[in-house]
């Protein structure tokens, strides 16, 4: 008998979320690679430094969706990380007596702690993403949102920027504002209106100016 194929407990859910992300990312060069989803679900991770900036970024996103924060930090962040936190997260740190940039693994662990404190579920939405660079070095700008139907806590203006080299995130800037919303439908409408303009929208805007 052939051994039974073991399916990851989050397989179906993560595939559904992956399809939503893929639909939200308008730029063809920036869409999440399917092979990253597959190696995460199989637990067969590639060597850290062998990955492109796109692979590092999308592995980070999918691990966060799964709640695998420790594994994300271990694989995707540089020990020499420089991180700048703005918005509600920065307000929390200021109230705790922290100021200035967050550095290294301790910095991203502090950022993750504050984020989980403010947004305790995995109810994130990738609104849109732009990925640029080559196989070794690049940058990513991500627009994201959050909505918890139980508490109506939401983020509509989340934006993270990453500089990635040699298989790890070297620099990161994070901004988000936590507020109380009304409904998921309203949140989705507001978040979608903030997405990066598609090429068609950009071309139309240019034509109207001519």
N, C-alpha and C. Protein backbone atom coordinates (compact mmCIF):
# COMPACT_ATOMS: atom_id res chain seq x y z
N UNK A 1 0.83 -1.21 0.00
CA UNK A 1 0.00 0.00 0.00
C UNK A 1 0.86 1.26 0.00
N UNK A 2 0.42 2.25 -0.73
CA UNK A 2 1.13 3.52 -0.74
C UNK A 2 0.81 4.28 0.54
N UNK A 3 1.81 4.96 1.11
CA UNK A 3 1.53 5.74 2.31
C UNK A 3 0.55 6.86 2.01
N UNK A 4 -0.32 7.16 2.96
CA UNK A 4 -1.32 8.22 2.77
C UNK A 4 -0.61 9.56 2.64
N UNK A 5 -1.10 10.38 1.72
CA UNK A 5 -0.56 11.73 1.55
C UNK A 5 -1.13 12.62 2.64
N UNK A 6 -0.24 13.22 3.42
CA UNK A 6 -0.67 14.06 4.53
C UNK A 6 -0.94 15.48 4.03
N UNK A 7 -2.12 15.96 4.29
CA UNK A 7 -2.51 17.31 3.87
C UNK A 7 -2.37 18.27 5.04
N UNK A 8 -1.81 19.44 4.77
CA UNK A 8 -1.67 20.45 5.82
C UNK A 8 -3.06 20.84 6.32
N UNK A 9 -3.24 20.97 7.64
CA UNK A 9 -4.58 21.29 8.17
C UNK A 9 -5.17 22.59 7.66
N UNK A 10 -4.30 23.51 7.20
CA UNK A 10 -4.80 24.79 6.66
C UNK A 10 -4.82 24.81 5.14
N UNK A 11 -4.65 23.65 4.51
CA UNK A 11 -4.51 23.58 3.05
C UNK A 11 -5.65 24.27 2.32
N UNK A 12 -6.87 23.86 2.56
CA UNK A 12 -8.01 24.39 1.83
C UNK A 12 -8.20 25.89 2.10
N UNK A 13 -8.11 26.28 3.36
CA UNK A 13 -8.29 27.68 3.73
C UNK A 13 -7.21 28.55 3.09
N UNK A 14 -5.95 28.11 3.16
CA UNK A 14 -4.87 28.93 2.63
C UNK A 14 -4.96 29.05 1.12
N UNK A 15 -5.37 27.98 0.44
CA UNK A 15 -5.55 28.06 -1.01
C UNK A 15 -6.63 29.07 -1.38
N UNK A 16 -7.71 29.10 -0.59
CA UNK A 16 -8.77 30.08 -0.84
C UNK A 16 -8.24 31.51 -0.63
N UNK A 17 -7.48 31.70 0.44
CA UNK A 17 -6.91 33.02 0.70
C UNK A 17 -5.92 33.42 -0.39
N UNK A 18 -5.15 32.45 -0.86
CA UNK A 18 -4.18 32.71 -1.93
C UNK A 18 -4.88 33.20 -3.19
N UNK A 19 -6.02 32.57 -3.51
CA UNK A 19 -6.77 33.00 -4.70
C UNK A 19 -7.29 34.43 -4.53
N UNK A 20 -7.71 34.78 -3.32
CA UNK A 20 -8.18 36.15 -3.07
C UNK A 20 -7.03 37.15 -3.25
N UNK A 21 -5.87 36.80 -2.70
CA UNK A 21 -4.70 37.68 -2.83
C UNK A 21 -4.35 37.86 -4.29
N UNK A 22 -4.30 36.75 -5.02
CA UNK A 22 -3.95 36.81 -6.44
C UNK A 22 -4.91 37.71 -7.20
N UNK A 23 -6.19 37.65 -6.85
CA UNK A 23 -7.17 38.51 -7.51
C UNK A 23 -7.02 39.98 -7.17
N UNK A 24 -6.51 40.27 -5.97
CA UNK A 24 -6.36 41.65 -5.55
C UNK A 24 -5.11 42.33 -6.11
N UNK A 25 -4.08 41.54 -6.42
CA UNK A 25 -2.83 42.11 -6.92
C UNK A 25 -2.96 42.33 -8.42
N UNK A 26 -2.97 43.58 -8.84
CA UNK A 26 -3.24 43.90 -10.23
C UNK A 26 -2.03 43.72 -11.15
N UNK A 27 -0.85 44.01 -10.65
CA UNK A 27 0.35 43.96 -11.47
C UNK A 27 0.79 42.51 -11.68
N UNK A 28 0.90 42.10 -12.94
CA UNK A 28 1.20 40.70 -13.25
C UNK A 28 2.55 40.26 -12.68
N UNK A 29 3.53 41.16 -12.67
CA UNK A 29 4.87 40.82 -12.16
C UNK A 29 4.90 40.69 -10.65
N UNK A 30 3.87 41.13 -9.98
CA UNK A 30 3.86 41.17 -8.52
C UNK A 30 2.97 40.10 -7.89
N UNK A 31 2.26 39.32 -8.70
CA UNK A 31 1.34 38.33 -8.16
C UNK A 31 2.08 37.23 -7.38
N UNK A 32 1.43 36.64 -6.38
CA UNK A 32 2.09 35.62 -5.57
C UNK A 32 2.40 34.36 -6.38
N UNK A 33 3.63 33.84 -6.31
CA UNK A 33 3.99 32.63 -7.06
C UNK A 33 3.34 31.39 -6.43
N UNK A 34 2.76 30.55 -7.27
CA UNK A 34 2.09 29.35 -6.77
C UNK A 34 3.08 28.42 -6.09
N UNK A 35 4.32 28.36 -6.59
CA UNK A 35 5.27 27.42 -5.99
C UNK A 35 5.60 27.78 -4.54
N UNK A 36 5.47 29.05 -4.15
CA UNK A 36 5.69 29.41 -2.76
C UNK A 36 4.59 28.82 -1.88
N UNK A 37 3.34 28.94 -2.32
CA UNK A 37 2.22 28.31 -1.62
C UNK A 37 2.46 26.82 -1.46
N UNK A 38 2.89 26.17 -2.54
CA UNK A 38 3.04 24.71 -2.51
C UNK A 38 4.16 24.27 -1.58
N UNK A 39 5.29 24.98 -1.56
CA UNK A 39 6.36 24.52 -0.68
C UNK A 39 6.04 24.79 0.79
N UNK A 40 5.26 25.84 1.06
CA UNK A 40 4.85 26.08 2.44
C UNK A 40 3.91 24.97 2.92
N UNK A 41 2.92 24.63 2.10
CA UNK A 41 1.97 23.58 2.48
C UNK A 41 2.65 22.22 2.62
N UNK A 42 3.69 22.00 1.81
CA UNK A 42 4.42 20.73 1.89
C UNK A 42 5.47 20.73 2.99
N UNK A 43 5.77 21.91 3.54
CA UNK A 43 6.81 22.00 4.56
C UNK A 43 8.21 21.80 4.02
N UNK A 44 8.39 22.06 2.72
CA UNK A 44 9.68 21.84 2.07
C UNK A 44 10.26 23.20 1.66
N UNK A 45 10.82 23.89 2.62
CA UNK A 45 11.29 25.25 2.41
C UNK A 45 12.66 25.28 1.72
N UNK A 46 12.85 26.16 0.76
CA UNK A 46 14.16 26.29 0.10
C UNK A 46 15.16 26.98 1.01
N UNK A 47 16.44 26.91 0.61
CA UNK A 47 17.49 27.60 1.35
C UNK A 47 17.18 29.09 1.40
N UNK A 48 17.46 29.73 2.51
CA UNK A 48 17.09 31.13 2.73
C UNK A 48 17.68 32.04 1.67
N UNK A 49 18.98 31.94 1.43
CA UNK A 49 19.64 32.88 0.52
C UNK A 49 19.39 32.56 -0.95
N UNK A 50 18.77 31.42 -1.24
CA UNK A 50 18.50 31.06 -2.63
C UNK A 50 17.25 31.73 -3.17
N UNK A 51 16.48 32.40 -2.31
CA UNK A 51 15.19 32.94 -2.71
C UNK A 51 15.29 34.35 -3.29
N UNK A 52 14.39 34.65 -4.21
CA UNK A 52 14.28 35.99 -4.77
C UNK A 52 13.51 36.89 -3.80
N UNK A 53 13.58 38.21 -3.98
CA UNK A 53 12.78 39.11 -3.14
C UNK A 53 11.28 38.77 -3.17
N UNK A 54 10.76 38.42 -4.33
CA UNK A 54 9.33 38.06 -4.42
C UNK A 54 9.03 36.83 -3.58
N UNK A 55 9.91 35.83 -3.62
CA UNK A 55 9.69 34.62 -2.83
C UNK A 55 9.77 34.91 -1.33
N UNK A 56 10.72 35.75 -0.93
CA UNK A 56 10.83 36.13 0.48
C UNK A 56 9.56 36.84 0.94
N UNK A 57 9.12 37.81 0.14
CA UNK A 57 7.95 38.59 0.53
C UNK A 57 6.70 37.72 0.64
N UNK A 58 6.44 36.91 -0.38
CA UNK A 58 5.21 36.13 -0.37
C UNK A 58 5.25 35.00 0.65
N UNK A 59 6.44 34.47 0.93
CA UNK A 59 6.54 33.51 2.04
C UNK A 59 6.18 34.20 3.35
N UNK A 60 6.70 35.41 3.54
CA UNK A 60 6.36 36.20 4.74
C UNK A 60 4.86 36.38 4.87
N UNK A 61 4.20 36.77 3.80
CA UNK A 61 2.76 37.02 3.85
C UNK A 61 1.99 35.74 4.19
N UNK A 62 2.29 34.65 3.52
CA UNK A 62 1.53 33.42 3.75
C UNK A 62 1.78 32.86 5.14
N UNK A 63 3.00 32.96 5.65
CA UNK A 63 3.27 32.51 7.02
C UNK A 63 2.51 33.36 8.03
N UNK A 64 2.42 34.67 7.78
CA UNK A 64 1.64 35.52 8.69
C UNK A 64 0.15 35.17 8.63
N UNK A 65 -0.36 34.88 7.43
CA UNK A 65 -1.75 34.46 7.32
C UNK A 65 -2.00 33.21 8.16
N UNK A 66 -1.01 32.32 8.20
CA UNK A 66 -1.14 31.06 8.95
C UNK A 66 -0.89 31.23 10.44
N UNK A 67 -0.46 32.43 10.85
CA UNK A 67 -0.14 32.64 12.25
C UNK A 67 1.24 32.15 12.64
N UNK A 68 2.09 31.83 11.65
CA UNK A 68 3.43 31.30 11.92
C UNK A 68 4.44 32.45 12.03
N UNK A 69 4.25 33.27 13.05
CA UNK A 69 5.07 34.48 13.20
C UNK A 69 6.52 34.14 13.48
N UNK A 70 6.77 33.18 14.38
CA UNK A 70 8.15 32.83 14.74
C UNK A 70 8.92 32.30 13.54
N UNK A 71 8.27 31.45 12.74
CA UNK A 71 8.93 30.90 11.56
C UNK A 71 9.19 31.99 10.52
N UNK A 72 8.24 32.90 10.37
CA UNK A 72 8.42 34.03 9.46
C UNK A 72 9.64 34.85 9.86
N UNK A 73 9.74 35.18 11.13
CA UNK A 73 10.87 35.99 11.59
C UNK A 73 12.19 35.24 11.40
N UNK A 74 12.19 33.96 11.73
CA UNK A 74 13.41 33.15 11.60
C UNK A 74 13.93 33.10 10.17
N UNK A 75 13.02 32.94 9.22
CA UNK A 75 13.43 32.74 7.83
C UNK A 75 13.57 34.03 7.03
N UNK A 76 12.78 35.02 7.35
CA UNK A 76 12.64 36.13 6.40
C UNK A 76 13.23 37.46 6.84
N UNK A 77 13.65 37.59 8.07
CA UNK A 77 14.17 38.87 8.55
C UNK A 77 15.65 38.81 8.86
N UNK A 78 16.36 39.87 8.49
CA UNK A 78 17.79 39.96 8.74
C UNK A 78 18.06 40.30 10.21
N UNK A 79 19.09 39.72 10.80
CA UNK A 79 19.48 40.14 12.16
C UNK A 79 19.88 41.61 12.21
N UNK A 80 20.22 42.18 11.06
CA UNK A 80 20.60 43.60 10.99
C UNK A 80 19.43 44.48 10.53
N UNK A 81 18.21 43.98 10.65
CA UNK A 81 17.02 44.70 10.20
C UNK A 81 16.93 46.10 10.81
N UNK A 82 16.52 47.05 9.97
CA UNK A 82 16.15 48.40 10.42
C UNK A 82 14.67 48.58 10.12
N UNK A 83 13.88 48.87 11.15
CA UNK A 83 12.43 48.92 11.01
C UNK A 83 11.90 50.23 11.57
N UNK A 84 11.02 50.86 10.81
CA UNK A 84 10.36 52.09 11.24
C UNK A 84 8.86 51.83 11.34
N UNK A 85 8.27 52.12 12.48
CA UNK A 85 6.86 51.88 12.73
C UNK A 85 6.15 53.20 12.92
N UNK A 86 5.04 53.40 12.18
CA UNK A 86 4.27 54.64 12.23
C UNK A 86 2.80 54.32 12.46
N UNK A 87 2.03 55.30 12.89
CA UNK A 87 0.61 55.11 13.09
C UNK A 87 0.31 54.59 14.49
N UNK A 88 -0.75 53.77 14.60
CA UNK A 88 -1.21 53.30 15.91
C UNK A 88 -0.15 52.47 16.62
N UNK A 89 0.56 51.63 15.87
CA UNK A 89 1.61 50.82 16.49
C UNK A 89 2.68 51.67 17.15
N UNK A 90 3.07 52.74 16.47
CA UNK A 90 4.06 53.66 17.03
C UNK A 90 3.52 54.36 18.27
N UNK A 91 2.23 54.69 18.28
CA UNK A 91 1.62 55.32 19.45
C UNK A 91 1.69 54.40 20.67
N UNK A 92 1.46 53.10 20.44
CA UNK A 92 1.53 52.13 21.54
C UNK A 92 2.94 52.08 22.11
N UNK A 93 3.94 52.03 21.22
CA UNK A 93 5.33 51.97 21.68
C UNK A 93 5.73 53.24 22.43
N UNK A 94 5.26 54.38 21.95
CA UNK A 94 5.56 55.63 22.64
C UNK A 94 4.96 55.62 24.05
N UNK A 95 3.74 55.10 24.17
CA UNK A 95 3.09 55.01 25.48
C UNK A 95 3.85 54.07 26.41
N UNK A 96 4.54 53.08 25.82
CA UNK A 96 5.34 52.14 26.61
C UNK A 96 6.73 52.69 26.92
N UNK A 97 7.06 53.86 26.36
CA UNK A 97 8.35 54.45 26.62
C UNK A 97 9.41 54.15 25.59
N UNK A 98 9.00 53.54 24.45
CA UNK A 98 9.93 53.23 23.37
C UNK A 98 9.88 54.34 22.32
N UNK A 99 11.04 54.71 21.79
CA UNK A 99 11.09 55.70 20.73
C UNK A 99 12.20 55.35 19.75
N UNK A 100 12.12 55.91 18.55
CA UNK A 100 13.15 55.67 17.55
C UNK A 100 12.94 54.38 16.79
N UNK A 101 13.88 54.05 15.90
CA UNK A 101 13.73 52.86 15.05
C UNK A 101 13.86 51.57 15.86
N UNK A 102 13.27 50.50 15.33
CA UNK A 102 13.39 49.16 15.91
C UNK A 102 14.45 48.41 15.12
N UNK A 103 15.33 47.72 15.81
CA UNK A 103 16.49 47.11 15.16
C UNK A 103 16.54 45.61 15.38
N UNK A 104 16.94 44.90 14.31
CA UNK A 104 17.22 43.48 14.41
C UNK A 104 16.01 42.62 14.71
N UNK A 105 16.28 41.38 15.15
CA UNK A 105 15.20 40.44 15.45
C UNK A 105 14.35 40.93 16.61
N UNK A 106 14.97 41.54 17.60
CA UNK A 106 14.20 42.10 18.72
C UNK A 106 13.22 43.16 18.23
N UNK A 107 13.63 43.93 17.21
CA UNK A 107 12.76 44.96 16.67
C UNK A 107 11.52 44.40 16.01
N UNK A 108 11.68 43.37 15.16
CA UNK A 108 10.51 42.80 14.48
C UNK A 108 9.65 42.02 15.45
N UNK A 109 10.26 41.43 16.48
CA UNK A 109 9.46 40.75 17.51
C UNK A 109 8.62 41.75 18.29
N UNK A 110 9.16 42.92 18.56
CA UNK A 110 8.39 43.97 19.24
C UNK A 110 7.24 44.45 18.36
N UNK A 111 7.53 44.67 17.08
CA UNK A 111 6.49 45.09 16.14
C UNK A 111 5.38 44.04 16.05
N UNK A 112 5.77 42.76 15.97
CA UNK A 112 4.78 41.68 15.87
C UNK A 112 3.94 41.60 17.14
N UNK A 113 4.56 41.81 18.29
CA UNK A 113 3.81 41.78 19.56
C UNK A 113 2.74 42.88 19.59
N UNK A 114 3.12 44.08 19.18
CA UNK A 114 2.17 45.19 19.18
C UNK A 114 1.04 44.94 18.18
N UNK A 115 1.42 44.44 16.99
CA UNK A 115 0.40 44.15 15.97
C UNK A 115 -0.60 43.12 16.48
N UNK A 116 -0.11 42.05 17.10
CA UNK A 116 -1.00 41.01 17.62
C UNK A 116 -1.86 41.53 18.77
N UNK A 117 -1.30 42.45 19.55
CA UNK A 117 -2.06 43.06 20.64
C UNK A 117 -3.23 43.88 20.10
N UNK A 118 -2.98 44.59 19.02
CA UNK A 118 -4.01 45.46 18.44
C UNK A 118 -4.96 44.72 17.51
N UNK A 119 -4.42 43.74 16.77
CA UNK A 119 -5.19 43.01 15.75
C UNK A 119 -5.01 41.52 16.01
N UNK A 120 -5.77 40.95 16.93
CA UNK A 120 -5.48 39.60 17.42
C UNK A 120 -5.91 38.43 16.53
N UNK A 121 -6.64 38.68 15.44
CA UNK A 121 -7.03 37.58 14.55
C UNK A 121 -6.19 37.63 13.28
N UNK A 122 -6.41 36.68 12.39
CA UNK A 122 -5.71 36.67 11.10
C UNK A 122 -6.60 37.24 9.99
N UNK A 123 -7.48 38.17 10.33
CA UNK A 123 -8.43 38.72 9.36
C UNK A 123 -7.84 39.79 8.47
N UNK A 124 -6.70 39.48 7.85
CA UNK A 124 -6.02 40.46 6.99
C UNK A 124 -6.50 40.37 5.54
N UNK A 125 -6.38 41.47 4.84
CA UNK A 125 -6.66 41.53 3.41
C UNK A 125 -5.48 42.21 2.72
N UNK A 126 -4.87 41.53 1.75
CA UNK A 126 -3.88 42.20 0.91
C UNK A 126 -4.66 42.98 -0.15
N UNK A 127 -4.62 44.31 -0.04
CA UNK A 127 -5.37 45.15 -0.96
C UNK A 127 -4.67 45.19 -2.32
N UNK A 128 -3.36 45.31 -2.32
CA UNK A 128 -2.57 45.30 -3.56
C UNK A 128 -1.10 45.27 -3.18
N UNK A 129 -0.25 44.89 -4.12
CA UNK A 129 1.18 44.80 -3.88
C UNK A 129 1.94 45.09 -5.16
N UNK A 130 3.06 45.77 -5.02
CA UNK A 130 3.99 45.99 -6.12
C UNK A 130 5.34 45.41 -5.72
N UNK A 131 5.88 44.52 -6.57
CA UNK A 131 7.19 43.91 -6.33
C UNK A 131 8.11 44.28 -7.49
N UNK A 132 9.30 44.77 -7.18
CA UNK A 132 10.27 45.11 -8.21
C UNK A 132 11.67 44.67 -7.78
N UNK A 133 12.51 44.34 -8.75
CA UNK A 133 13.88 43.96 -8.45
C UNK A 133 14.35 42.82 -9.33
N UNK A 134 15.46 42.20 -8.91
CA UNK A 134 16.00 41.05 -9.65
C UNK A 134 16.02 39.84 -8.73
N UNK A 135 16.80 38.83 -9.08
CA UNK A 135 16.80 37.60 -8.29
C UNK A 135 17.46 37.76 -6.93
N UNK A 136 18.24 38.83 -6.73
CA UNK A 136 19.00 38.98 -5.49
C UNK A 136 18.56 40.15 -4.62
N UNK A 137 18.06 41.19 -5.26
CA UNK A 137 17.75 42.41 -4.51
C UNK A 137 16.51 43.08 -5.09
N UNK A 138 15.68 43.65 -4.22
CA UNK A 138 14.49 44.32 -4.70
C UNK A 138 13.72 45.00 -3.59
N UNK A 139 12.59 45.57 -3.95
CA UNK A 139 11.74 46.23 -2.97
C UNK A 139 10.28 45.87 -3.22
N UNK A 140 9.48 46.01 -2.18
CA UNK A 140 8.05 45.69 -2.24
C UNK A 140 7.29 46.79 -1.51
N UNK A 141 6.19 47.23 -2.09
CA UNK A 141 5.24 48.08 -1.38
C UNK A 141 3.90 47.37 -1.35
N UNK A 142 3.36 47.22 -0.18
CA UNK A 142 2.14 46.44 0.05
C UNK A 142 1.07 47.31 0.71
N UNK A 143 -0.14 47.27 0.18
CA UNK A 143 -1.29 47.90 0.83
C UNK A 143 -2.13 46.80 1.46
N UNK A 144 -2.50 46.97 2.71
CA UNK A 144 -3.24 45.93 3.40
C UNK A 144 -4.33 46.52 4.30
N UNK A 145 -5.27 45.67 4.64
CA UNK A 145 -6.35 46.06 5.53
C UNK A 145 -6.64 44.93 6.51
N UNK A 146 -7.53 45.23 7.45
CA UNK A 146 -7.88 44.26 8.49
C UNK A 146 -9.30 44.55 8.95
N UNK A 147 -10.07 43.48 9.16
CA UNK A 147 -11.41 43.67 9.72
C UNK A 147 -11.78 42.45 10.56
N UNK A 148 -12.20 42.71 11.80
CA UNK A 148 -12.65 41.65 12.70
C UNK A 148 -14.14 41.84 12.90
N UNK A 149 -14.99 40.95 12.35
CA UNK A 149 -16.45 41.15 12.46
C UNK A 149 -16.96 41.08 13.89
N UNK A 150 -16.24 40.39 14.79
CA UNK A 150 -16.70 40.26 16.17
C UNK A 150 -16.57 41.58 16.93
N UNK A 151 -15.49 42.30 16.68
CA UNK A 151 -15.24 43.55 17.41
C UNK A 151 -15.40 44.79 16.55
N UNK A 152 -15.45 44.61 15.21
CA UNK A 152 -15.49 45.69 14.22
C UNK A 152 -14.21 46.54 14.22
N UNK A 153 -13.15 46.01 14.81
CA UNK A 153 -11.84 46.67 14.72
C UNK A 153 -11.35 46.55 13.28
N UNK A 154 -10.83 47.64 12.73
CA UNK A 154 -10.39 47.61 11.34
C UNK A 154 -9.16 48.48 11.12
N UNK A 155 -8.47 48.17 10.02
CA UNK A 155 -7.40 49.00 9.47
C UNK A 155 -7.71 49.17 7.99
N UNK A 156 -7.77 50.40 7.52
CA UNK A 156 -8.03 50.64 6.10
C UNK A 156 -6.83 51.21 5.37
N UNK A 157 -5.83 51.68 6.10
CA UNK A 157 -4.72 52.40 5.47
C UNK A 157 -3.37 51.72 5.67
N UNK A 158 -3.38 50.40 5.90
CA UNK A 158 -2.12 49.70 6.13
C UNK A 158 -1.21 49.77 4.91
N UNK A 159 0.04 50.15 5.11
CA UNK A 159 1.00 50.14 4.01
C UNK A 159 2.38 49.79 4.58
N UNK A 160 2.98 48.76 4.01
CA UNK A 160 4.31 48.30 4.40
C UNK A 160 5.24 48.38 3.19
N UNK A 161 6.46 48.81 3.43
CA UNK A 161 7.47 48.85 2.37
C UNK A 161 8.69 48.04 2.84
N UNK A 162 9.21 47.19 1.94
CA UNK A 162 10.30 46.28 2.27
C UNK A 162 11.46 46.50 1.31
N UNK A 163 12.68 46.44 1.84
CA UNK A 163 13.88 46.34 1.01
C UNK A 163 14.50 44.99 1.33
N UNK A 164 14.67 44.16 0.29
CA UNK A 164 15.06 42.75 0.48
C UNK A 164 16.34 42.47 -0.29
N UNK A 165 17.30 41.86 0.39
CA UNK A 165 18.56 41.45 -0.25
C UNK A 165 19.02 40.12 0.32
N UNK A 166 19.57 39.28 -0.56
CA UNK A 166 20.18 38.01 -0.14
C UNK A 166 19.24 37.17 0.72
N UNK A 167 17.99 37.11 0.32
CA UNK A 167 17.04 36.21 0.95
C UNK A 167 16.45 36.67 2.27
N UNK A 168 16.67 37.93 2.63
CA UNK A 168 16.10 38.41 3.89
C UNK A 168 15.64 39.87 3.76
N UNK A 169 14.67 40.23 4.59
CA UNK A 169 14.19 41.62 4.66
C UNK A 169 15.21 42.42 5.46
N UNK A 170 15.78 43.43 4.83
CA UNK A 170 16.82 44.23 5.46
C UNK A 170 16.28 45.51 6.09
N UNK A 171 15.29 46.11 5.42
CA UNK A 171 14.69 47.36 5.89
C UNK A 171 13.18 47.26 5.71
N UNK A 172 12.43 47.78 6.68
CA UNK A 172 10.97 47.73 6.57
C UNK A 172 10.36 48.97 7.22
N UNK A 173 9.36 49.52 6.54
CA UNK A 173 8.58 50.63 7.08
C UNK A 173 7.12 50.19 7.15
N UNK A 174 6.49 50.41 8.30
CA UNK A 174 5.13 49.94 8.56
C UNK A 174 4.27 51.12 9.00
N UNK A 175 3.09 51.23 8.39
CA UNK A 175 2.12 52.24 8.85
C UNK A 175 0.74 51.62 8.86
N UNK A 176 0.00 51.87 9.97
CA UNK A 176 -1.41 51.47 10.01
C UNK A 176 -2.12 52.25 11.10
N UNK A 177 -3.43 52.46 10.89
CA UNK A 177 -4.27 53.14 11.87
C UNK A 177 -5.40 52.20 12.27
N UNK A 178 -5.49 51.89 13.55
CA UNK A 178 -6.54 51.02 14.07
C UNK A 178 -7.74 51.87 14.45
N UNK A 179 -8.92 51.47 13.98
CA UNK A 179 -10.14 52.22 14.25
C UNK A 179 -11.31 51.26 14.35
N UNK A 180 -12.48 51.78 14.70
CA UNK A 180 -13.69 50.97 14.76
C UNK A 180 -14.51 51.21 13.50
N UNK A 181 -14.87 50.13 12.81
CA UNK A 181 -15.66 50.23 11.59
C UNK A 181 -17.11 49.88 11.83
N UNK A 182 -17.84 49.68 10.73
CA UNK A 182 -19.26 49.36 10.85
C UNK A 182 -19.59 47.98 10.30
N UNK A 183 -19.10 47.67 9.08
CA UNK A 183 -19.43 46.39 8.46
C UNK A 183 -18.30 45.98 7.52
N UNK A 184 -18.27 44.66 7.23
CA UNK A 184 -17.24 44.18 6.31
C UNK A 184 -17.44 44.74 4.91
N UNK A 185 -18.70 44.91 4.51
CA UNK A 185 -18.98 45.44 3.17
C UNK A 185 -18.42 46.85 3.03
N UNK A 186 -18.60 47.67 4.06
CA UNK A 186 -18.08 49.04 4.02
C UNK A 186 -16.56 49.03 4.03
N UNK A 187 -15.99 48.16 4.87
CA UNK A 187 -14.53 48.04 4.92
C UNK A 187 -13.97 47.64 3.56
N UNK A 188 -14.57 46.64 2.92
CA UNK A 188 -14.10 46.17 1.61
C UNK A 188 -14.17 47.27 0.57
N UNK A 189 -15.24 48.03 0.58
CA UNK A 189 -15.38 49.14 -0.37
C UNK A 189 -14.28 50.18 -0.16
N UNK A 190 -14.07 50.54 1.10
CA UNK A 190 -13.06 51.56 1.40
C UNK A 190 -11.66 51.07 1.07
N UNK A 191 -11.36 49.80 1.39
CA UNK A 191 -10.03 49.26 1.13
C UNK A 191 -9.78 49.18 -0.37
N UNK A 192 -10.78 48.72 -1.13
CA UNK A 192 -10.61 48.60 -2.58
C UNK A 192 -10.37 49.95 -3.23
N UNK A 193 -10.97 51.00 -2.69
CA UNK A 193 -10.80 52.33 -3.28
C UNK A 193 -9.39 52.86 -3.10
N UNK A 194 -8.61 52.24 -2.18
CA UNK A 194 -7.25 52.68 -1.92
C UNK A 194 -6.20 51.89 -2.70
N UNK A 195 -6.63 50.91 -3.49
CA UNK A 195 -5.67 50.06 -4.20
C UNK A 195 -4.86 50.86 -5.21
N UNK A 196 -3.64 50.35 -5.51
CA UNK A 196 -2.82 50.98 -6.53
C UNK A 196 -3.61 51.05 -7.83
N UNK A 197 -3.56 52.15 -8.57
CA UNK A 197 -4.29 52.22 -9.83
C UNK A 197 -3.75 51.22 -10.84
N UNK A 198 -4.67 50.58 -11.56
CA UNK A 198 -4.25 49.65 -12.61
C UNK A 198 -3.73 50.44 -13.79
N UNK A 199 -3.07 49.72 -14.72
CA UNK A 199 -2.54 50.39 -15.91
C UNK A 199 -3.65 51.08 -16.68
N UNK A 200 -4.83 50.42 -16.74
CA UNK A 200 -5.95 51.00 -17.49
C UNK A 200 -6.38 52.33 -16.88
N UNK A 201 -6.43 52.37 -15.52
CA UNK A 201 -6.83 53.60 -14.86
C UNK A 201 -5.79 54.69 -15.10
N UNK A 202 -4.51 54.31 -15.05
CA UNK A 202 -3.44 55.27 -15.27
C UNK A 202 -3.49 55.84 -16.68
N UNK A 203 -3.72 54.96 -17.67
CA UNK A 203 -3.78 55.40 -19.06
C UNK A 203 -4.97 56.34 -19.27
N UNK A 204 -6.10 56.01 -18.62
CA UNK A 204 -7.27 56.86 -18.77
C UNK A 204 -7.01 58.23 -18.14
N UNK A 205 -6.34 58.24 -16.97
CA UNK A 205 -6.03 59.51 -16.33
C UNK A 205 -5.13 60.38 -17.21
N UNK A 206 -4.16 59.76 -17.86
CA UNK A 206 -3.27 60.49 -18.76
C UNK A 206 -4.04 61.07 -19.93
N UNK A 207 -4.93 60.23 -20.50
CA UNK A 207 -5.70 60.68 -21.69
C UNK A 207 -6.61 61.85 -21.34
N UNK A 208 -7.15 61.85 -20.10
CA UNK A 208 -8.03 62.94 -19.72
C UNK A 208 -7.28 64.24 -19.53
N UNK A 209 -5.96 64.14 -19.23
CA UNK A 209 -5.16 65.33 -19.04
C UNK A 209 -4.67 65.92 -20.35
N UNK A 210 -4.74 65.16 -21.42
CA UNK A 210 -4.20 65.62 -22.71
C UNK A 210 -5.20 66.51 -23.46
